[in-house]
């Protein structure tokens, strides 16, 4: 088993993640008018990035039989808000008060993608 990460190494990973988060605020040079907003796609990208880094941290410190399946984690993160391409952004309170709403859309999309569980 590999050595556990030190506090300094974990701190450096957090600094890295915070810095990557700033990418959403960097203007790209293009010919179109610039409108600032935070998209669902940006949210998904950062969820995937955080998931990948956190899986690596956890798996480095885990016994081989206890390691996370990184591919499964990343696949779930990639599609975790996919239904919002159809429904628009779903408020946090809506999926907490009515979890069947979000799960219904996710089931439909998984079926369409051939990824039903």
Protein backbone atom coordinates (compact mmCIF):
# COMPACT_ATOMS: atom_id res chain seq x y z
CA UNK A 1 0.00 0.00 0.00
CA UNK A 2 1.30 3.46 -0.84
CA UNK A 3 2.06 5.94 1.90
CA UNK A 4 -0.71 8.20 3.11
CA UNK A 5 -0.62 11.77 1.92
CA UNK A 6 0.72 14.37 4.30
CA UNK A 7 -1.24 17.42 5.39
CA UNK A 8 0.94 19.49 3.07
CA UNK A 9 0.13 17.28 0.09
CA UNK A 10 -3.59 17.41 0.86
CA UNK A 11 -3.34 21.19 1.25
CA UNK A 12 -1.67 21.39 -2.17
CA UNK A 13 -4.50 19.36 -3.69
CA UNK A 14 -7.08 21.72 -2.18
CA UNK A 15 -5.14 24.72 -3.49
CA UNK A 16 -5.11 23.05 -6.92
CA UNK A 17 -8.88 22.45 -6.83
CA UNK A 18 -9.60 26.02 -5.72
CA UNK A 19 -7.37 27.37 -8.49
CA UNK A 20 -9.08 25.17 -11.10
CA UNK A 21 -12.41 26.54 -9.89
CA UNK A 22 -11.28 29.99 -11.05
CA UNK A 23 -11.42 28.82 -14.67
CA UNK A 24 -15.13 29.60 -14.63
CA UNK A 25 -14.26 33.28 -14.10
CA UNK A 26 -11.67 33.67 -16.85
CA UNK A 27 -13.05 35.41 -19.93
CA UNK A 28 -12.33 33.68 -23.21
CA UNK A 29 -11.37 35.80 -26.18
CA UNK A 30 -14.02 35.56 -28.87
CA UNK A 31 -16.12 37.72 -31.15
CA UNK A 32 -19.46 37.32 -29.36
CA UNK A 33 -20.91 39.48 -26.61
CA UNK A 34 -19.88 38.32 -23.16
CA UNK A 35 -22.55 37.33 -20.67
CA UNK A 36 -21.43 36.10 -17.28
CA UNK A 37 -23.21 33.09 -15.88
CA UNK A 38 -22.35 29.79 -14.25
CA UNK A 39 -23.65 26.97 -16.37
CA UNK A 40 -24.69 23.45 -15.48
CA UNK A 41 -21.85 22.29 -17.74
CA UNK A 42 -19.32 24.21 -15.63
CA UNK A 43 -20.83 22.70 -12.49
CA UNK A 44 -20.55 19.21 -13.98
CA UNK A 45 -16.94 19.77 -15.06
CA UNK A 46 -15.89 20.80 -11.57
CA UNK A 47 -17.85 17.94 -10.00
CA UNK A 48 -15.96 15.50 -12.25
CA UNK A 49 -12.60 17.13 -11.49
CA UNK A 50 -13.21 17.03 -7.74
CA UNK A 51 -14.44 13.42 -7.98
CA UNK A 52 -11.33 12.32 -9.86
CA UNK A 53 -8.94 13.99 -7.41
CA UNK A 54 -10.83 12.75 -4.34
CA UNK A 55 -10.96 9.18 -5.71
CA UNK A 56 -7.18 9.31 -6.21
CA UNK A 57 -6.64 10.54 -2.64
CA UNK A 58 -8.96 7.90 -1.15
CA UNK A 59 -7.57 5.07 -3.30
CA UNK A 60 -3.96 5.89 -2.40
CA UNK A 61 -4.86 5.46 1.25
CA UNK A 62 -7.09 2.39 0.88
CA UNK A 63 -6.48 -1.33 0.83
CA UNK A 64 -6.89 -2.62 -2.77
CA UNK A 65 -10.19 -4.39 -1.94
CA UNK A 66 -11.63 -1.15 -0.51
CA UNK A 67 -10.71 1.15 -3.40
CA UNK A 68 -13.35 3.15 -5.21
CA UNK A 69 -14.25 2.30 -8.78
CA UNK A 70 -13.07 5.56 -10.37
CA UNK A 71 -14.77 4.88 -13.69
CA UNK A 72 -18.13 4.36 -11.99
CA UNK A 73 -17.73 7.52 -9.89
CA UNK A 74 -16.80 9.62 -12.94
CA UNK A 75 -19.62 8.19 -15.06
CA UNK A 76 -22.16 9.00 -12.36
CA UNK A 77 -20.78 12.53 -12.03
CA UNK A 78 -20.87 13.08 -15.78
CA UNK A 79 -24.58 12.30 -15.95
CA UNK A 80 -25.66 13.51 -12.50
CA UNK A 81 -27.37 16.62 -13.91
CA UNK A 82 -27.89 15.43 -17.50
CA UNK A 83 -31.65 15.77 -17.21
CA UNK A 84 -31.21 19.51 -16.75
CA UNK A 85 -30.52 19.76 -20.48
CA UNK A 86 -34.23 18.97 -20.80
CA UNK A 87 -35.72 20.47 -17.65
CA UNK A 88 -33.42 23.43 -17.06
CA UNK A 89 -31.69 23.83 -13.72
CA UNK A 90 -33.56 21.96 -11.01
CA UNK A 91 -33.58 23.78 -7.70
CA UNK A 92 -31.85 21.98 -4.84
CA UNK A 93 -35.00 22.28 -2.72
CA UNK A 94 -37.09 20.64 -5.46
CA UNK A 95 -35.00 17.52 -5.64
CA UNK A 96 -34.77 17.31 -1.87
CA UNK A 97 -38.51 17.68 -1.31
CA UNK A 98 -39.47 15.55 -4.35
CA UNK A 99 -36.60 13.12 -5.07
CA UNK A 100 -38.83 11.13 -7.42
CA UNK A 101 -38.82 14.13 -9.81
CA UNK A 102 -35.08 14.01 -10.41
CA UNK A 103 -34.82 10.21 -10.21
CA UNK A 104 -37.58 9.84 -12.80
CA UNK A 105 -35.68 11.98 -15.31
CA UNK A 106 -32.40 10.20 -14.53
CA UNK A 107 -34.02 6.78 -15.06
CA UNK A 108 -35.42 7.96 -18.41
CA UNK A 109 -32.02 9.26 -19.55
CA UNK A 110 -30.16 6.14 -18.38
CA UNK A 111 -32.66 4.03 -20.33
CA UNK A 112 -32.15 6.18 -23.45
CA UNK A 113 -28.37 5.80 -23.10
CA UNK A 114 -28.65 2.05 -22.52
CA UNK A 115 -27.18 2.43 -19.04
CA UNK A 116 -30.13 1.26 -16.95
CA UNK A 117 -29.11 -0.15 -13.59
